[in-house]
C-alpha atoms as a PDB file:
ATOM      1  CA  MET A   1      93.559 137.298 113.806  1.00  0.00           C
ATOM      2  CA  THR A   2      97.309 135.167 113.386  1.00  0.00           C
ATOM      3  CA  ARG A   3      99.312 135.685 111.132  1.00  0.00           C
ATOM      4  CA  LEU A   4     102.003 133.287 109.550  1.00  0.00           C
ATOM      5  CA  GLY A   5     104.834 133.664 108.169  1.00  0.00           C
ATOM      6  CA  ARG A   6     104.824 130.915 105.532  1.00  0.00           C
ATOM      7  CA  GLY A   7     101.935 128.453 105.955  1.00  0.00           C
ATOM      8  CA  PHE A   8     101.564 125.213 103.856  1.00  0.00           C
ATOM      9  CA  VAL A   9      98.748 122.625 103.151  1.00  0.00           C
ATOM     10  CA  ALA A  10     100.216 119.339 104.635  1.00  0.00           C
ATOM     11  CA  VAL A  11      99.165 115.891 105.839  1.00  0.00           C
ATOM     12  CA  HIS A  12     101.235 113.296 108.079  1.00  0.00           C
ATOM     13  CA  PRO A  13     101.723 109.873 107.178  1.00  0.00           C
ATOM     14  CA  PRO A  14     100.308 106.815 108.806  1.00  0.00           C
ATOM     15  CA  ARG A  15     102.931 105.730 112.127  1.00  0.00           C
ATOM     16  CA  PRO A  16     103.875 102.575 109.631  1.00  0.00           C
ATOM     17  CA  VAL A  17     104.497 104.785 106.713  1.00  0.00           C
ATOM     18  CA  LEU A  18     106.748 106.425 108.799  1.00  0.00           C
ATOM     19  CA  ASP A  19     108.599 104.210 110.326  1.00  0.00           C
ATOM     20  CA  ALA A  20     109.379 102.396 107.223  1.00  0.00           C
ATOM     21  CA  ILE A  21     110.873 105.607 105.766  1.00  0.00           C
ATOM     22  CA  ASP A  22     112.550 106.342 109.217  1.00  0.00           C
ATOM     23  CA  ALA A  23     114.701 102.469 108.158  1.00  0.00           C
ATOM     24  CA  ARG A  24     115.867 103.366 105.060  1.00  0.00           C
ATOM     25  CA  VAL A  25     117.485 106.832 106.166  1.00  0.00           C
ATOM     26  CA  ALA A  26     119.036 105.514 109.558  1.00  0.00           C
ATOM     27  CA  PRO A  27     121.888 104.622 106.729  1.00  0.00           C
ATOM     28  CA  LEU A  28     122.470 108.297 105.766  1.00  0.00           C
ATOM     29  CA  ARG A  29     122.142 109.413 109.605  1.00  0.00           C
ATOM     30  CA  THR A  30     126.185 109.356 109.957  1.00  0.00           C
ATOM     31  CA  PRO A  31     128.140 111.539 112.685  1.00  0.00           C
ATOM     32  CA  THR A  32     130.250 113.090 109.340  1.00  0.00           C
ATOM     33  CA  THR A  33     127.071 114.551 107.434  1.00  0.00           C
ATOM     34  CA  ARG A  34     126.259 118.049 108.069  1.00  0.00           C
ATOM     35  CA  LEU A  35     122.377 117.558 108.060  1.00  0.00           C
ATOM     36  CA  ARG A  36     119.998 117.997 110.827  1.00  0.00           C
ATOM     37  CA  TRP A  37     117.142 115.269 111.129  1.00  0.00           C
ATOM     38  CA  LEU A  38     113.905 115.954 112.757  1.00  0.00           C
ATOM     39  CA  PRO A  39     111.963 113.394 114.555  1.00  0.00           C
ATOM     40  CA  PRO A  40     109.699 111.490 112.345  1.00  0.00           C
ATOM     41  CA  SER A  41     106.664 112.798 114.275  1.00  0.00           C
ATOM     42  CA  GLN A  42     107.609 115.942 112.475  1.00  0.00           C
ATOM     43  CA  TRP A  43     107.555 114.875 109.114  1.00  0.00           C
ATOM     44  CA  HIS A  44     104.603 115.698 106.949  1.00  0.00           C
ATOM     45  CA  VAL A  45     103.610 116.192 102.853  1.00  0.00           C
ATOM     46  CA  THR A  46     103.417 119.384 101.894  1.00  0.00           C
ATOM     47  CA  LEU A  47     100.493 119.540  99.201  1.00  0.00           C
ATOM     48  CA  GLN A  48     100.549 123.332  98.816  1.00  0.00           C
ATOM     49  CA  PHE A  49     102.978 125.842  99.842  1.00  0.00           C
ATOM     50  CA  LEU A  50     100.943 128.908 100.581  1.00  0.00           C
ATOM     51  CA  GLY A  51     103.453 131.778 101.436  1.00  0.00           C
ATOM     52  CA  PRO A  52     102.506 134.322 103.883  1.00  0.00           C
ATOM     53  CA  VAL A  53      99.422 134.026 105.454  1.00  0.00           C
ATOM     54  CA  HIS A  54      96.886 137.159 106.781  1.00  0.00           C
ATOM     55  CA  ASP A  55      94.429 135.197 108.563  1.00  0.00           C
ATOM     56  CA  ALA A  56      95.248 131.507 110.059  1.00  0.00           C
ATOM     57  CA  GLU A  57      92.109 130.855 111.759  1.00  0.00           C
ATOM     58  CA  THR A  58      89.865 131.389 108.315  1.00  0.00           C
ATOM     59  CA  LEU A  59      91.966 129.257 106.037  1.00  0.00           C
ATOM     60  CA  ALA A  60      91.584 126.600 108.890  1.00  0.00           C
ATOM     61  CA  ALA A  61      87.938 126.635 108.647  1.00  0.00           C
ATOM     62  CA  HIS A  62      88.188 127.176 105.075  1.00  0.00           C
ATOM     63  CA  LEU A  63      90.376 123.574 105.046  1.00  0.00           C
ATOM     64  CA  ALA A  64      88.360 122.118 107.263  1.00  0.00           C
ATOM     65  CA  THR A  65      85.305 122.628 105.218  1.00  0.00           C
ATOM     66  CA  ALA A  66      86.957 121.394 102.422  1.00  0.00           C
ATOM     67  CA  VAL A  67      88.216 118.108 104.100  1.00  0.00           C
ATOM     68  CA  ALA A  68      84.649 117.657 105.919  1.00  0.00           C
ATOM     69  CA  ALA A  69      83.225 117.258 102.006  1.00  0.00           C
ATOM     70  CA  LEU A  70      85.647 114.835 100.860  1.00  0.00           C
END
């Protein structure tokens, strides 16, 4: 059983969407900003924050069942 300190349900946008967002935020990336930018491959849209998860495998199985029902 895998425990997560903070779990969430998220989706990864398609690559063209990530590329478009990346182009829009590029001017914000300057050497003087104190922001740490993650690469677009790690960008996601959080649908639900879950907090601590005690059994990640069971959660993943339930989410897979829900997605299959769509």
